[in-house]
Amino acid sequence: MTVNTYSPPELEPIEKASIDELRALQLERLKWSVRHAYENVPHYRKAFDDKGVHPDDLKTLEDLAKFPFTTKHDLRDNYPFGMFAVPMNKVARVHASSGTTGKPTVVGYTLKDIDTWANVVARSIRASGGRPGDMVHISYGYGLFTGGMGAHYGAERLGCTVIPMSGGQTEKQVQIIQDFKPSIIMVTPSYMLTILDEMEAQGIDPKSTSLRIGIFGAEPWTPAMRLAVEARAGIDAVDIYGLSEVMGPGVANECVETKDGPTIWEDHFYPEIINPETGEVVADGEEGELVFTSLSKEAMPVIRYRTRDLTRLLPPTARSMRRMAKITGRSDDMLIIRGVNVFPTQIEELICKMPKLAPQYLLEVDKNGHMDTLTVKVEVN
């Protein structure tokens, strides 16, 4: 569904480069990143040596498959700064995960990394339909979480006016949207639904606001939710993808003219899809676990980082770079109920097709004797 019409953006040369040009740049940057990690991060030196590989073995992009994976456990085992590849006096900023399941995952950025991050988020906002002069209402959390500040610096880099609202205070969110009249909101999809509920509770028609673009990320959402939000708010809803370990928001972003899955900014992040059980690389188009290698990060390069997100790599459309399909689930939170693989996003897809049900739900897994049971609790509109 296309709600608005946008003038074609002025693309960076790399966004329309040939496949050969892009692959040559990736190989050049990949060689640098692998060597940078090996020479400056003890974890990578040991991991490479243990596997019997050396940066000199990387002669083609396909050779990356010879190198070991990086996991969240590796990052936590090297808490807080053991994965950094530069001295602390070169680290301009640190962010961290919440650490609700263990030690927080700490990530660092040099000034050049922050500059790169701002550029890819600016590119993402532009791909979403944003232009210099737009006012951007940011409802992602600030602080150690990468969402708020990543969106903030990217919007400023594009030449937008930023409202650094952060999360929470829903009544105040609605007031600011009404009074300041932003054209873009960057927010989690679930919190966008809360904001829309509050608007309607105040007697405000969400379609009457100044908003025309919603850039949604930080959690999975379905095509059905996109259609519901677009119909309810009269906006274009696009998907931004990222994770702190790789950079933060802005690793990939949908193009508003196609809305066919986030385009991966492959000049900075090299993607692979692997079989999560065997670790073997699978062909483009096949579903598996998404793996990223950073190509330009100075402070904390990541080599073959296992995201645990399940998706597919798709051919380019609006840009010269490959896309990723909607995430179907995670390799580490898949539910197996009586031998059947169940993903929460599949259940959400069904719920969103039922107009009498709200898209907020709770899954409860229990046992009846030795048999697993799954109960779905859903709010009714």
Protein backbone atom coordinates (compact mmCIF):
# COMPACT_ATOMS: atom_id res chain seq x y z
CA MET A 1 0.00 0.00 0.00
CA THR A 2 1.41 3.40 -0.97
CA VAL A 3 -0.11 6.27 0.93
CA ASN A 4 2.00 9.14 -0.32
CA THR A 5 4.01 10.04 -3.41
CA TYR A 6 7.65 11.02 -3.07
CA SER A 7 10.11 12.67 -5.41
CA PRO A 8 12.97 10.32 -6.35
CA PRO A 9 15.86 10.72 -3.91
CA GLU A 10 19.35 11.77 -4.90
CA LEU A 11 21.22 8.49 -4.49
CA GLU A 12 24.81 8.03 -3.39
CA PRO A 13 26.95 6.51 -6.19
CA ILE A 14 27.33 3.24 -4.25
CA GLU A 15 23.54 2.83 -4.09
CA LYS A 16 23.45 2.46 -7.87
CA ALA A 17 26.85 0.81 -8.40
CA SER A 18 27.25 -2.31 -10.52
CA ILE A 19 27.53 -5.69 -8.81
CA ASP A 20 31.20 -5.89 -9.78
CA GLU A 21 31.91 -2.46 -8.28
CA LEU A 22 30.10 -3.34 -5.06
CA ARG A 23 31.79 -6.74 -4.68
CA ALA A 24 35.24 -5.20 -5.29
CA LEU A 25 34.61 -2.62 -2.55
CA GLN A 26 33.34 -5.31 -0.19
CA LEU A 27 36.41 -7.48 -0.70
CA GLU A 28 38.75 -4.56 -0.12
CA ARG A 29 36.97 -3.56 3.08
CA LEU A 30 36.54 -7.16 4.24
CA LYS A 31 40.28 -7.80 4.00
CA TRP A 32 40.91 -4.68 6.09
CA SER A 33 38.29 -5.58 8.71
CA VAL A 34 39.47 -9.17 9.17
CA ARG A 35 43.10 -8.09 9.51
CA HIS A 36 42.15 -5.21 11.85
CA ALA A 37 40.30 -7.66 14.11
CA TYR A 38 43.11 -10.23 14.06
CA GLU A 39 45.86 -7.75 14.82
CA ASN A 40 44.06 -5.78 17.54
CA VAL A 41 41.54 -8.05 19.31
CA PRO A 42 43.03 -10.97 21.28
CA HIS A 43 39.75 -12.90 21.02
CA TYR A 44 39.90 -12.88 17.23
CA ARG A 45 43.60 -13.75 17.10
CA LYS A 46 42.95 -16.82 19.27
CA ALA A 47 39.74 -17.78 17.43
CA PHE A 48 41.43 -17.54 14.01
CA ASP A 49 44.53 -19.40 15.21
CA ASP A 50 42.41 -22.14 16.80
CA LYS A 51 40.60 -22.64 13.49
CA GLY A 52 43.82 -22.52 11.50
CA VAL A 53 42.94 -19.46 9.42
CA HIS A 54 44.79 -16.20 8.86
CA PRO A 55 43.77 -12.88 7.26
CA ASP A 56 46.04 -13.79 4.33
CA ASP A 57 43.66 -16.69 3.56
CA LEU A 58 40.91 -14.22 2.62
CA LYS A 59 41.31 -13.85 -1.13
CA THR A 60 37.64 -13.90 -2.21
CA LEU A 61 34.34 -13.04 -0.53
CA GLU A 62 33.55 -16.74 -0.40
CA ASP A 63 36.68 -17.34 1.70
CA LEU A 64 34.94 -15.63 4.62
CA ALA A 65 33.15 -18.94 5.25
CA LYS A 66 36.48 -20.37 6.46
CA PHE A 67 36.53 -18.00 9.43
CA PRO A 68 34.90 -18.61 12.84
CA PHE A 69 31.62 -17.11 13.96
CA THR A 70 31.20 -14.48 16.66
CA THR A 71 28.34 -14.89 19.14
CA LYS A 72 26.73 -12.85 21.88
CA HIS A 73 28.47 -15.18 24.35
CA ASP A 74 31.84 -14.12 22.94
CA LEU A 75 30.95 -10.47 23.53
CA ARG A 76 29.81 -11.17 27.09
CA ASP A 77 32.87 -13.30 27.84
CA ASN A 78 35.01 -10.30 26.90
CA TYR A 79 32.96 -7.80 28.94
CA PRO A 80 33.32 -4.89 29.06
CA PHE A 81 35.92 -3.75 26.53
CA GLY A 82 37.76 -6.90 25.48
CA MET A 83 36.38 -6.83 21.92
CA PHE A 84 37.60 -3.29 21.25
CA ALA A 85 40.26 -2.95 18.55
CA VAL A 86 41.45 0.55 19.45
CA PRO A 87 42.78 2.12 22.68
CA MET A 88 40.13 3.57 24.98
CA ASN A 89 41.33 7.10 24.27
CA LYS A 90 40.13 6.54 20.68
CA VAL A 91 36.66 5.35 21.77
CA ALA A 92 34.29 8.30 21.56
CA ARG A 93 31.16 6.52 22.82
CA VAL A 94 29.94 3.24 24.28
CA HIS A 95 26.47 1.72 24.16
CA ALA A 96 25.22 -1.47 25.77
CA SER A 97 22.31 -3.88 25.75
CA SER A 98 20.00 -4.10 28.75
CA GLY A 99 21.72 -7.24 29.98
CA THR A 100 18.44 -8.80 31.13
CA THR A 101 19.74 -12.29 30.30
CA GLY A 102 23.28 -11.84 31.63
CA LYS A 103 26.05 -9.30 31.36
CA PRO A 104 25.21 -6.45 28.99
CA THR A 105 26.71 -6.52 25.52
CA VAL A 106 29.00 -3.50 25.23
CA VAL A 107 29.78 -1.83 21.90
CA GLY A 108 32.16 1.02 21.16
CA TYR A 109 32.52 3.67 18.48
CA THR A 110 35.33 5.91 17.30
CA LEU A 111 34.46 9.33 15.91
CA LYS A 112 34.75 7.82 12.42
CA ASP A 113 32.34 5.02 13.42
CA ILE A 114 29.82 7.59 14.64
CA ASP A 115 30.20 9.43 11.35
CA THR A 116 29.59 6.21 9.39
CA TRP A 117 26.59 5.39 11.58
CA ALA A 118 25.07 8.82 11.00
CA ASN A 119 25.53 8.37 7.25
CA VAL A 120 23.81 4.97 7.04
CA VAL A 121 20.89 6.14 9.19
CA ALA A 122 20.56 9.28 7.06
CA ARG A 123 20.52 7.00 4.01
CA SER A 124 17.84 4.90 5.71
CA ILE A 125 15.61 7.89 6.46
CA ARG A 126 16.04 9.09 2.88
CA ALA A 127 15.10 5.61 1.58
CA SER A 128 11.98 5.84 3.77
CA GLY A 129 10.91 9.01 1.98
CA GLY A 130 12.48 11.55 4.33
CA ARG A 131 14.15 14.65 2.96
CA PRO A 132 16.19 17.56 4.36
CA GLY A 133 13.84 19.90 6.21
CA ASP A 134 11.53 17.15 7.49
CA MET A 135 10.80 17.17 11.23
CA VAL A 136 11.50 13.78 12.83
CA HIS A 137 9.81 12.71 16.07
CA ILE A 138 12.03 10.06 17.71
CA SER A 139 10.26 7.77 20.16
CA TYR A 140 13.05 5.21 20.42
CA GLY A 141 14.72 5.10 23.82
CA TYR A 142 17.86 7.12 24.38
CA GLY A 143 20.69 6.25 26.78
CA LEU A 144 22.70 3.03 26.48
CA PHE A 145 20.21 1.66 23.92
CA THR A 146 21.42 2.50 20.41
CA GLY A 147 18.00 3.31 18.93
CA GLY A 148 17.43 6.89 20.02
CA MET A 149 20.89 8.32 19.43
CA GLY A 150 21.39 6.39 16.20
CA ALA A 151 18.15 7.78 14.79
CA HIS A 152 18.95 11.24 16.16
CA TYR A 153 22.35 11.67 14.54
CA GLY A 154 21.15 10.17 11.26
CA ALA A 155 18.20 12.55 11.05
CA GLU A 156 20.46 15.51 11.76
CA ARG A 157 22.94 14.30 9.15
CA LEU A 158 20.17 14.24 6.54
CA GLY A 159 19.30 17.84 7.42
CA CYS A 160 16.12 17.16 9.38
CA THR A 161 14.81 18.86 12.52
CA VAL A 162 14.85 16.39 15.42
CA ILE A 163 12.37 16.04 18.29
CA PRO A 164 14.30 13.86 20.81
CA MET A 165 11.16 12.64 22.58
CA SER A 166 12.39 9.16 23.61
CA GLY A 167 9.89 6.54 24.82
CA GLY A 168 7.06 6.72 27.32
CA GLN A 169 4.79 9.63 28.35
CA THR A 170 2.24 8.66 25.71
CA GLU A 171 -0.07 11.62 26.37
CA LYS A 172 2.90 13.96 25.96
CA GLN A 173 3.88 12.14 22.74
CA VAL A 174 0.46 12.91 21.29
CA GLN A 175 0.59 16.53 22.45
CA ILE A 176 4.01 17.08 20.85
CA ILE A 177 2.89 15.47 17.59
CA GLN A 178 -0.18 17.73 17.55
CA ASP A 179 1.72 20.91 18.45
CA PHE A 180 5.06 20.48 16.64
CA LYS A 181 3.63 18.75 13.55
CA PRO A 182 6.45 16.34 12.63
CA SER A 183 6.25 14.58 9.28
CA ILE A 184 8.19 11.45 10.34
CA ILE A 185 8.04 9.28 13.45
CA MET A 186 10.73 6.72 14.36
CA VAL A 187 9.33 4.25 16.88
CA THR A 188 8.78 0.60 17.66
CA PRO A 189 5.66 -0.72 15.89
CA SER A 190 4.04 -1.83 19.14
CA TYR A 191 4.48 1.61 20.72
CA MET A 192 3.08 3.23 17.58
CA LEU A 193 -0.11 1.28 18.22
CA THR A 194 -0.17 2.65 21.77
CA ILE A 195 0.24 6.20 20.45
CA LEU A 196 -2.61 5.64 17.98
CA ASP A 197 -4.79 4.28 20.80
CA GLU A 198 -4.09 7.42 22.84
CA MET A 199 -4.91 9.68 19.91
CA GLU A 200 -8.26 7.99 19.45
CA ALA A 201 -8.93 8.10 23.21
CA GLN A 202 -8.46 11.87 23.02
CA GLY A 203 -10.85 12.09 20.07
CA ILE A 204 -8.08 12.72 17.54
CA ASP A 205 -8.29 11.06 14.14
CA PRO A 206 -4.74 9.70 13.54
CA LYS A 207 -5.16 10.43 9.83
CA SER A 208 -5.56 14.13 10.62
CA THR A 209 -2.03 14.55 12.02
CA SER A 210 1.01 15.85 10.16
CA LEU A 211 2.67 12.43 10.14
CA ARG A 212 3.25 10.90 6.71
CA ILE A 213 6.05 8.37 7.37
CA GLY A 214 6.60 5.85 10.16
CA ILE A 215 10.04 4.22 10.40
CA PHE A 216 9.53 1.16 12.57
CA GLY A 217 12.21 -1.07 14.07
CA ALA A 218 13.74 -2.66 17.19
CA GLU A 219 11.20 -5.52 17.17
CA PRO A 220 9.60 -7.85 14.61
CA TRP A 221 6.34 -6.85 12.96
CA THR A 222 4.26 -8.38 10.21
CA PRO A 223 2.90 -7.24 6.84
CA ALA A 224 -0.57 -7.39 8.38
CA MET A 225 0.49 -4.92 11.07
CA ARG A 226 1.92 -2.63 8.38
CA LEU A 227 -1.40 -2.56 6.55
CA ALA A 228 -3.29 -1.96 9.79
CA VAL A 229 -1.07 0.96 10.84
CA GLU A 230 -1.10 2.53 7.38
CA ALA A 231 -4.88 2.32 7.16
CA ARG A 232 -5.35 3.67 10.65
CA ALA A 233 -2.80 6.51 10.55
CA GLY A 234 -2.68 7.38 6.84
CA ILE A 235 1.11 7.03 6.73
CA ASP A 236 3.72 4.99 4.88
CA ALA A 237 5.15 2.41 7.29
CA VAL A 238 8.67 1.21 6.50
CA ASP A 239 11.02 -1.21 8.20
CA ILE A 240 14.43 -0.24 9.60
CA TYR A 241 16.73 -3.03 10.76
CA GLY A 242 19.78 -3.00 12.96
CA LEU A 243 21.39 -4.42 16.05
CA SER A 244 23.81 -2.90 18.51
CA GLU A 245 26.48 -5.56 18.04
CA VAL A 246 26.83 -4.72 14.35
CA MET A 247 26.23 -0.93 14.56
CA GLY A 248 22.73 -0.06 15.75
CA PRO A 249 19.75 1.06 13.65
CA GLY A 250 20.57 1.62 9.99
CA VAL A 251 22.13 -1.69 8.98
CA ALA A 252 19.27 -2.08 6.50
CA ASN A 253 16.14 -0.16 5.57
CA GLU A 254 13.15 -0.54 3.29
CA CYS A 255 12.74 1.75 0.31
CA VAL A 256 9.36 3.45 0.43
CA GLU A 257 8.78 3.09 -3.30
CA THR A 258 8.87 -0.71 -3.12
CA LYS A 259 8.33 -1.77 0.52
CA ASP A 260 9.68 -5.18 -0.35
CA GLY A 261 12.07 -5.82 2.52
CA PRO A 262 14.96 -3.82 3.96
CA THR A 263 17.87 -3.12 1.62
CA ILE A 264 21.12 -4.05 3.38
CA TRP A 265 23.74 -1.32 3.17
CA GLU A 266 26.28 -3.78 1.86
CA ASP A 267 29.07 -1.25 1.53
CA HIS A 268 29.35 -1.34 5.34
CA PHE A 269 27.82 -4.68 6.39
CA TYR A 270 28.48 -7.98 4.60
CA PRO A 271 25.59 -10.46 4.99
CA GLU A 272 25.52 -14.24 4.92
CA ILE A 273 22.71 -16.71 5.54
CA ILE A 274 23.69 -19.94 7.27
CA ASN A 275 21.98 -23.15 8.27
CA PRO A 276 21.63 -22.53 12.03
CA GLU A 277 22.22 -26.20 12.82
CA THR A 278 25.30 -26.86 10.65
CA GLY A 279 26.76 -23.36 10.24
CA GLU A 280 27.06 -23.91 6.49
CA VAL A 281 26.36 -20.95 4.18
CA VAL A 282 23.17 -21.39 2.14
CA ALA A 283 22.31 -19.84 -1.21
CA ASP A 284 20.53 -16.51 -1.60
CA GLY A 285 16.79 -17.07 -1.40
CA GLU A 286 17.03 -19.90 1.14
CA GLU A 287 15.92 -19.24 4.69
CA GLY A 288 18.42 -19.46 7.50
CA GLU A 289 20.16 -17.42 10.18
CA LEU A 290 21.45 -13.97 9.27
CA VAL A 291 25.16 -13.37 9.87
CA PHE A 292 26.93 -10.01 9.52
CA THR A 293 30.55 -8.94 9.18
CA SER A 294 31.30 -5.25 9.63
CA LEU A 295 33.32 -3.74 6.79
CA SER A 296 34.28 -0.33 8.17
CA LYS A 297 34.03 -0.34 11.98
CA GLU A 298 37.17 0.79 13.77
CA ALA A 299 36.42 0.51 17.50
CA MET A 300 34.73 -2.88 17.47
CA PRO A 301 34.85 -4.89 14.25
CA VAL A 302 32.61 -7.96 14.24
CA ILE A 303 33.46 -10.98 12.11
CA ARG A 304 30.62 -13.32 11.14
CA TYR A 305 28.32 -12.25 13.97
CA ARG A 306 25.39 -14.63 14.40
CA THR A 307 22.28 -12.47 14.79
CA ARG A 308 19.95 -15.44 15.46
CA ASP A 309 17.41 -13.74 13.16
CA LEU A 310 15.85 -16.06 10.58
CA THR A 311 15.37 -14.57 7.11
CA ARG A 312 16.40 -14.83 3.44
CA LEU A 313 18.62 -12.74 1.18
CA LEU A 314 16.72 -11.36 -1.81
CA PRO A 315 17.96 -9.77 -5.05
CA PRO A 316 18.23 -5.97 -5.34
CA THR A 317 15.28 -3.87 -6.48
CA ALA A 318 15.26 -0.14 -5.65
CA ARG A 319 19.02 -0.08 -4.94
CA SER A 320 22.05 -2.05 -6.12
CA MET A 321 22.30 -3.96 -2.84
CA ARG A 322 20.55 -7.12 -1.71
CA ARG A 323 17.48 -7.09 0.48
CA MET A 324 16.47 -9.19 3.46
CA ALA A 325 13.03 -10.73 3.79
CA LYS A 326 10.86 -10.09 6.83
CA ILE A 327 12.29 -11.88 9.83
CA THR A 328 10.22 -15.00 10.50
CA GLY A 329 11.61 -15.61 13.96
CA ARG A 330 14.83 -16.34 15.78
CA SER A 331 16.90 -19.48 15.89
CA ASP A 332 17.06 -19.17 19.67
CA ASP A 333 13.42 -18.38 20.56
CA MET A 334 11.62 -20.75 18.24
CA LEU A 335 8.99 -22.70 20.15
CA ILE A 336 8.67 -26.44 19.49
CA ILE A 337 5.20 -27.57 20.50
CA ARG A 338 4.65 -31.32 20.07
CA GLY A 339 7.21 -31.48 17.30
CA VAL A 340 5.90 -28.41 15.47
CA ASN A 341 8.12 -25.34 15.07
CA VAL A 342 6.14 -22.26 16.14
CA PHE A 343 7.27 -18.66 15.72
CA PRO A 344 5.50 -15.79 17.53
CA THR A 345 5.40 -13.77 14.29
CA GLN A 346 3.29 -16.48 12.64
CA ILE A 347 0.72 -16.21 15.41
CA GLU A 348 0.77 -12.41 15.18
CA GLU A 349 0.09 -12.66 11.44
CA LEU A 350 -3.10 -14.63 12.14
CA ILE A 351 -4.22 -12.31 14.95
CA CYS A 352 -3.79 -9.23 12.73
CA LYS A 353 -6.15 -10.77 10.17
CA MET A 354 -8.97 -10.85 12.73
CA PRO A 355 -10.47 -7.35 13.08
CA LYS A 356 -12.07 -8.10 16.44
CA LEU A 357 -8.69 -8.84 18.01
CA ALA A 358 -6.04 -6.33 19.10
CA PRO A 359 -2.44 -7.01 17.99
CA GLN A 360 -1.26 -7.34 21.60
CA TYR A 361 -0.95 -10.95 22.69
CA LEU A 362 0.70 -13.25 25.22
CA LEU A 363 1.99 -16.78 24.59
CA GLU A 364 2.04 -19.18 27.54
CA VAL A 365 3.88 -22.50 27.23
CA ASP A 366 3.03 -25.13 29.82
CA LYS A 367 3.01 -28.89 30.22
CA ASN A 368 0.07 -31.27 30.42
CA GLY A 369 1.79 -34.36 31.76
CA HIS A 370 4.75 -34.76 29.42
CA MET A 371 3.14 -32.85 26.54
CA ASP A 372 3.80 -29.18 25.84
CA THR A 373 0.78 -26.93 25.51
CA LEU A 374 0.59 -23.44 24.04
CA THR A 375 -2.04 -20.93 25.15
CA VAL A 376 -2.53 -17.70 23.21
CA LYS A 377 -4.09 -14.81 25.16
CA VAL A 378 -5.29 -11.93 23.00
CA GLU A 379 -6.87 -8.55 23.74
CA VAL A 380 -10.25 -7.88 22.16
CA ASN A 381 -10.85 -4.54 20.44
